[in-house]
Amino acid sequence: MPALEALVRAGCEMVGVLTQPDRPKGRGRQIAASPVKTTALAHGIPVSQPQTLKDEASRAELASWRPDVLVVVAYGLILPRAALDIPRLGCLNIHASLLPRWRGAAPIQRSILAGDTTTGVTIMLMDVGLDTGPMLLRKATAIEPGDTGGSLHDRLSMLGASAILEAIQQLAAGTSQPVPQPPEGVTYAAKIDKAEALIDWKRPAVEIERQVRAFNPWPIAETRLDGEQLRVFAASASFSNQIGADPGTIVAVQDDGLWVQCGQGLLALQQLQRPGRRAVPAADFARGGAQLAGRHLG
């Protein structure tokens, strides 16, 4: 929880933390606290876990804290106007895109899927719309060719932690200048559906590579080999084309990957996982026994 840790280290008076109720996690489905709750309790910060903020009773504890500012990071619950009005100076959201591009639930994955080369974080003064509030500041970073959803998330978390401190300092000093979002360039980052993880080999290799990267660590891109799920954790596209092979055909098995014909170009599958087994490099996967070249995925 980089943002919470940064606020604590900066000496901000943390009157409380809101997080969602504890939920079952892992294969054993044991009830577990969220990382933000664990971090807050470790610092002696009061924690509230309302199921909703839509009624006055559920907002009572938040109101009792009388906060100056509420910092929101991927909270997962809608904040109604009555909740937004509680903090004296407003609610600040750390959003993982350069607004107005990629408003919505999954800006990190959508930016990778779209082939964006730049993203960043926006500190936004929240209103009742979907990421429509005025912007206090934006900080950009490159999307590197090897970035996954996980690596980009971690980098943006650190960037957001530094940005929120700067925004709060400006707000406290009275120097903050909110800027309305322009109407041009608005895009929406819809929530990721697990069904999107299934690879369509008729698509270009470069698009499938972005799918693999965007969906790591969740939900993980997947295909089928002899009807069995095959998860793909890492892959690399080539613009060369294998003449005469149908999309989804494994055309070569090499140390650097299983090369698969796509609608355009080839894709080297570099890290793979069968059900109930650990993810392994392609070379180890190929040593598993059966002849792979010429077989079909999908």
Protein backbone atom coordinates (compact mmCIF):
# COMPACT_ATOMS: atom_id res chain seq x y z
CA MET A 1 0.00 0.00 0.00
CA PRO A 2 2.46 2.66 -1.21
CA ALA A 3 0.05 5.60 -0.89
CA LEU A 4 -0.90 4.82 2.72
CA GLU A 5 2.72 4.18 3.67
CA ALA A 6 3.78 7.45 2.03
CA LEU A 7 1.13 9.43 3.91
CA VAL A 8 2.21 7.89 7.21
CA ARG A 9 5.91 8.55 6.53
CA ALA A 10 5.13 12.15 5.60
CA GLY A 11 3.61 12.71 9.04
CA CYS A 12 0.02 13.19 7.87
CA GLU A 13 -2.48 12.76 10.68
CA MET A 14 -4.40 9.66 9.65
CA VAL A 15 -7.77 9.76 11.44
CA GLY A 16 -8.99 6.51 9.89
CA VAL A 17 -8.99 4.10 6.96
CA LEU A 18 -11.98 2.80 5.02
CA THR A 19 -11.63 -0.56 3.30
CA GLN A 20 -14.01 -3.22 2.12
CA PRO A 21 -15.11 -6.03 4.47
CA ASP A 22 -12.83 -9.05 4.90
CA ARG A 23 -13.48 -11.65 2.20
CA PRO A 24 -12.55 -15.27 1.41
CA LYS A 25 -9.24 -15.58 -0.44
CA GLY A 26 -7.01 -18.25 -1.88
CA ARG A 27 -7.73 -21.89 -2.58
CA GLY A 28 -8.86 -22.49 0.98
CA ARG A 29 -11.27 -19.54 0.79
CA GLN A 30 -10.27 -18.42 4.25
CA ILE A 31 -11.52 -15.03 5.41
CA ALA A 32 -8.63 -12.56 5.11
CA ALA A 33 -8.08 -8.86 5.69
CA SER A 34 -7.18 -6.59 2.79
CA PRO A 35 -3.57 -5.35 2.58
CA VAL A 36 -4.70 -1.81 3.34
CA LYS A 37 -6.39 -2.98 6.56
CA THR A 38 -3.27 -4.87 7.61
CA THR A 39 -1.11 -1.82 6.93
CA ALA A 40 -3.46 0.53 8.77
CA LEU A 41 -3.64 -1.66 11.87
CA ALA A 42 0.15 -2.02 11.88
CA HIS A 43 0.34 1.77 12.20
CA GLY A 44 -2.41 1.96 14.82
CA ILE A 45 -4.89 3.65 12.47
CA PRO A 46 -8.63 3.04 13.10
CA VAL A 47 -10.29 0.96 10.36
CA SER A 48 -13.90 0.97 9.22
CA GLN A 49 -15.32 -1.62 6.79
CA PRO A 50 -18.87 -0.65 5.79
CA GLN A 51 -20.69 -2.76 3.22
CA THR A 52 -21.90 0.42 1.53
CA LEU A 53 -21.78 4.19 1.94
CA LYS A 54 -25.26 4.80 0.55
CA ASP A 55 -27.10 5.36 3.83
CA GLU A 56 -26.42 7.70 6.74
CA ALA A 57 -25.76 4.91 9.24
CA SER A 58 -23.00 3.42 7.08
CA ARG A 59 -21.35 6.85 6.81
CA ALA A 60 -21.56 7.60 10.53
CA GLU A 61 -18.03 6.50 11.43
CA LEU A 62 -16.50 8.36 8.49
CA ALA A 63 -18.38 11.50 9.53
CA SER A 64 -17.26 11.08 13.15
CA TRP A 65 -13.60 11.24 12.05
CA ARG A 66 -14.21 14.75 10.63
CA PRO A 67 -11.51 14.37 7.97
CA ASP A 68 -10.02 17.29 6.08
CA VAL A 69 -9.26 15.13 3.04
CA LEU A 70 -10.31 11.64 1.95
CA VAL A 71 -7.77 9.86 -0.29
CA VAL A 72 -9.36 7.17 -2.47
CA VAL A 73 -7.33 4.39 -4.13
CA ALA A 74 -9.18 1.56 -5.92
CA TYR A 75 -11.80 1.46 -3.14
CA GLY A 76 -14.31 -0.54 -5.16
CA LEU A 77 -17.43 1.10 -3.74
CA ILE A 78 -19.35 4.05 -5.18
CA LEU A 79 -19.08 7.19 -3.08
CA PRO A 80 -22.42 9.02 -3.14
CA ARG A 81 -22.62 12.80 -2.91
CA ALA A 82 -23.31 12.62 0.84
CA ALA A 83 -19.98 10.81 1.37
CA LEU A 84 -18.04 13.11 -0.96
CA ASP A 85 -19.29 16.10 1.03
CA ILE A 86 -17.93 14.87 4.38
CA PRO A 87 -14.23 15.85 4.06
CA ARG A 88 -13.66 19.60 4.51
CA LEU A 89 -11.35 19.88 1.49
CA GLY A 90 -12.86 17.14 -0.62
CA CYS A 91 -12.03 13.63 -1.81
CA LEU A 92 -8.89 13.00 -3.85
CA ASN A 93 -8.66 9.97 -6.11
CA ILE A 94 -5.38 8.45 -7.31
CA HIS A 95 -6.37 7.23 -10.76
CA ALA A 96 -3.98 5.04 -12.76
CA SER A 97 -4.18 6.82 -16.11
CA LEU A 98 -3.70 10.22 -17.66
CA LEU A 99 -7.30 11.38 -17.60
CA PRO A 100 -9.54 11.73 -19.49
CA ARG A 101 -8.07 8.64 -21.20
CA TRP A 102 -9.13 5.40 -19.53
CA ARG A 103 -11.75 6.44 -17.05
CA GLY A 104 -13.15 3.41 -15.26
CA ALA A 105 -12.20 0.19 -13.52
CA ALA A 106 -9.24 -1.24 -15.47
CA PRO A 107 -7.06 1.57 -16.85
CA ILE A 108 -3.79 -0.35 -16.48
CA GLN A 109 -4.85 -3.42 -18.45
CA ARG A 110 -6.72 -1.38 -21.06
CA SER A 111 -3.72 0.85 -21.74
CA ILE A 112 -1.51 -2.18 -22.40
CA LEU A 113 -4.16 -3.88 -24.54
CA ALA A 114 -4.52 -0.74 -26.65
CA GLY A 115 -0.80 -0.53 -27.30
CA ASP A 116 -0.38 2.81 -25.49
CA THR A 117 3.24 3.86 -25.04
CA THR A 118 2.57 6.33 -22.23
CA THR A 119 0.36 6.32 -19.17
CA GLY A 120 0.58 7.78 -15.68
CA VAL A 121 -1.45 8.83 -12.68
CA THR A 122 -3.95 11.62 -12.21
CA ILE A 123 -4.87 13.11 -8.85
CA MET A 124 -8.50 14.05 -9.28
CA LEU A 125 -10.94 15.95 -7.10
CA MET A 126 -13.84 13.51 -7.05
CA ASP A 127 -17.39 14.27 -8.10
CA VAL A 128 -20.38 11.96 -8.58
CA GLY A 129 -19.40 11.02 -12.15
CA LEU A 130 -17.23 8.09 -13.26
CA ASP A 131 -13.74 9.60 -12.96
CA THR A 132 -15.01 12.90 -14.32
CA GLY A 133 -13.79 15.29 -11.61
CA PRO A 134 -11.32 18.14 -12.09
CA MET A 135 -7.62 17.27 -12.13
CA LEU A 136 -5.14 18.56 -9.56
CA LEU A 137 -2.02 17.08 -11.17
CA ARG A 138 -0.85 14.40 -13.60
CA LYS A 139 2.41 12.47 -13.73
CA ALA A 140 3.39 10.44 -16.79
CA THR A 141 5.49 7.31 -17.25
CA ALA A 142 6.37 5.19 -20.27
CA ILE A 143 4.79 1.79 -20.83
CA GLU A 144 7.84 -0.35 -21.49
CA PRO A 145 7.75 -3.13 -24.12
CA GLY A 146 7.98 -5.82 -21.44
CA ASP A 147 5.51 -4.31 -18.97
CA THR A 148 2.81 -6.57 -17.60
CA GLY A 149 -0.32 -5.55 -15.79
CA GLY A 150 1.52 -6.34 -12.56
CA SER A 151 4.75 -4.45 -13.25
CA LEU A 152 2.89 -1.37 -14.50
CA HIS A 153 0.56 -1.47 -11.49
CA ASP A 154 3.51 -1.50 -9.11
CA ARG A 155 5.25 1.39 -10.85
CA LEU A 156 2.08 3.49 -10.98
CA SER A 157 1.44 2.76 -7.29
CA MET A 158 4.78 4.34 -6.41
CA LEU A 159 4.16 7.25 -8.77
CA GLY A 160 0.72 7.77 -7.25
CA ALA A 161 2.16 7.77 -3.73
CA SER A 162 4.50 10.66 -4.53
CA ALA A 163 1.80 12.50 -6.49
CA ILE A 164 -0.77 12.37 -3.68
CA LEU A 165 1.69 13.93 -1.24
CA GLU A 166 2.32 16.78 -3.66
CA ALA A 167 -1.40 17.29 -4.22
CA ILE A 168 -2.18 17.36 -0.49
CA GLN A 169 0.62 19.86 0.14
CA GLN A 170 -0.82 22.13 -2.54
CA LEU A 171 -4.33 21.71 -1.16
CA ALA A 172 -3.20 22.56 2.37
CA ALA A 173 -1.26 25.60 1.16
CA GLY A 174 -4.18 26.87 -0.88
CA THR A 175 -2.16 26.75 -4.10
CA SER A 176 -4.05 23.89 -5.73
CA GLN A 177 -5.64 24.77 -9.06
CA PRO A 178 -8.16 22.15 -10.23
CA VAL A 179 -8.42 21.87 -14.02
CA PRO A 180 -11.58 20.50 -15.66
CA GLN A 181 -11.03 17.44 -17.82
CA PRO A 182 -11.20 18.21 -21.53
CA PRO A 183 -14.07 16.65 -23.47
CA GLU A 184 -11.65 15.40 -26.12
CA GLY A 185 -9.85 12.08 -25.71
CA VAL A 186 -12.28 10.43 -23.30
CA THR A 187 -12.05 6.62 -23.26
CA TYR A 188 -13.49 4.07 -20.85
CA ALA A 189 -11.62 1.19 -19.23
CA ALA A 190 -14.30 -1.42 -18.66
CA LYS A 191 -13.82 -3.97 -15.89
CA ILE A 192 -11.87 -7.02 -17.04
CA ASP A 193 -14.04 -10.05 -17.76
CA LYS A 194 -12.32 -13.42 -17.32
CA ALA A 195 -13.72 -14.47 -20.71
CA GLU A 196 -11.36 -11.93 -22.30
CA ALA A 197 -8.43 -14.13 -21.29
CA LEU A 198 -9.15 -16.69 -24.04
CA ILE A 199 -6.74 -16.21 -26.96
CA ASP A 200 -8.13 -15.87 -30.47
CA TRP A 201 -5.28 -17.02 -32.71
CA LYS A 202 -6.81 -15.28 -35.74
CA ARG A 203 -5.74 -11.97 -34.23
CA PRO A 204 -2.33 -10.41 -34.97
CA ALA A 205 0.56 -11.69 -32.86
CA VAL A 206 1.33 -8.21 -31.52
CA GLU A 207 -2.22 -7.92 -30.12
CA ILE A 208 -2.06 -11.34 -28.48
CA GLU A 209 1.29 -10.44 -26.91
CA ARG A 210 -0.34 -7.35 -25.38
CA GLN A 211 -3.18 -9.56 -24.12
CA VAL A 212 -0.68 -11.86 -22.41
CA ARG A 213 1.13 -8.93 -20.79
CA ALA A 214 -2.02 -7.05 -19.76
CA PHE A 215 -3.61 -10.09 -18.10
CA ASN A 216 -0.57 -11.03 -16.01
CA PRO A 217 -1.06 -11.47 -13.02
CA TRP A 218 -4.85 -11.73 -13.59
CA PRO A 219 -6.77 -13.35 -15.19
CA ILE A 220 -3.83 -14.83 -17.22
CA ALA A 221 -4.24 -15.34 -20.98
CA GLU A 222 -5.16 -18.89 -21.90
CA THR A 223 -5.71 -21.27 -24.79
CA ARG A 224 -6.43 -25.00 -25.18
CA LEU A 225 -4.14 -27.90 -26.07
CA ASP A 226 -6.05 -31.14 -26.75
CA GLY A 227 -9.01 -29.65 -24.92
CA GLU A 228 -6.97 -28.91 -21.79
CA GLN A 229 -6.45 -25.40 -20.45
CA LEU A 230 -3.02 -23.93 -21.18
CA ARG A 231 -2.22 -20.65 -19.44
CA VAL A 232 0.29 -18.26 -21.02
CA PHE A 233 2.27 -16.06 -18.62
CA ALA A 234 4.77 -14.59 -21.08
CA ALA A 235 5.03 -14.32 -24.86
CA SER A 236 6.85 -12.37 -27.56
CA ALA A 237 5.56 -11.40 -31.02
CA SER A 238 7.43 -11.57 -34.31
CA PHE A 239 6.30 -9.84 -37.49
CA SER A 240 7.55 -12.65 -39.70
CA ASN A 241 4.86 -14.93 -41.12
CA GLN A 242 4.72 -18.72 -41.50
CA ILE A 243 3.23 -19.42 -44.92
CA GLY A 244 0.57 -22.12 -45.12
CA ALA A 245 -0.03 -22.70 -41.39
CA ASP A 246 -3.46 -22.16 -39.90
CA PRO A 247 -3.73 -19.71 -36.98
CA GLY A 248 -3.09 -21.56 -33.71
CA THR A 249 -0.63 -24.04 -35.24
CA ILE A 250 2.61 -24.65 -33.32
CA VAL A 251 5.12 -24.19 -36.16
CA ALA A 252 8.37 -24.57 -34.20
CA VAL A 253 9.62 -25.62 -30.77
CA GLN A 254 12.77 -23.76 -29.76
CA ASP A 255 14.58 -22.83 -26.57
CA ASP A 256 13.11 -19.32 -26.74
CA GLY A 257 9.52 -20.52 -26.99
CA LEU A 258 6.79 -22.44 -28.73
CA TRP A 259 6.23 -20.50 -31.96
CA VAL A 260 2.57 -20.26 -32.90
CA GLN A 261 1.07 -18.98 -36.14
CA CYS A 262 -1.31 -16.07 -35.61
CA GLY A 263 -3.58 -14.18 -37.99
CA GLN A 264 -0.59 -11.95 -38.66
CA GLY A 265 2.91 -12.90 -37.54
CA LEU A 266 4.14 -15.46 -35.04
CA LEU A 267 3.99 -15.55 -31.25
CA ALA A 268 6.58 -17.27 -29.07
CA LEU A 269 4.96 -18.68 -25.94
CA GLN A 270 7.68 -18.33 -23.31
CA GLN A 271 6.11 -19.34 -19.99
CA LEU A 272 3.26 -21.84 -19.77
CA GLN A 273 1.18 -23.66 -17.19
CA ARG A 274 -0.96 -26.79 -17.34
CA PRO A 275 -3.79 -27.26 -14.81
CA GLY A 276 -2.54 -28.25 -11.36
CA ARG A 277 1.10 -27.56 -12.22
CA ARG A 278 3.44 -24.65 -11.83
CA ALA A 279 4.26 -22.23 -14.64
CA VAL A 280 7.46 -23.23 -16.46
CA PRO A 281 9.65 -21.86 -19.28
CA ALA A 282 8.73 -23.10 -22.75
CA ALA A 283 11.88 -25.23 -23.00
CA ASP A 284 10.87 -27.15 -19.87
CA PHE A 285 7.30 -27.44 -21.11
CA ALA A 286 8.50 -28.89 -24.42
CA ARG A 287 10.51 -31.54 -22.58
CA GLY A 288 7.26 -32.80 -21.06
CA GLY A 289 7.00 -35.57 -23.59
CA ALA A 290 4.60 -35.30 -26.55
CA GLN A 291 5.61 -33.91 -29.95
CA LEU A 292 4.30 -30.33 -30.12
CA ALA A 293 5.29 -29.05 -33.57
CA GLY A 294 2.34 -29.18 -35.92
CA ARG A 295 -0.27 -29.41 -33.18
CA HIS A 296 -3.06 -26.87 -32.91
CA LEU A 297 -3.97 -24.55 -30.05
CA GLY A 298 -7.40 -23.13 -29.44
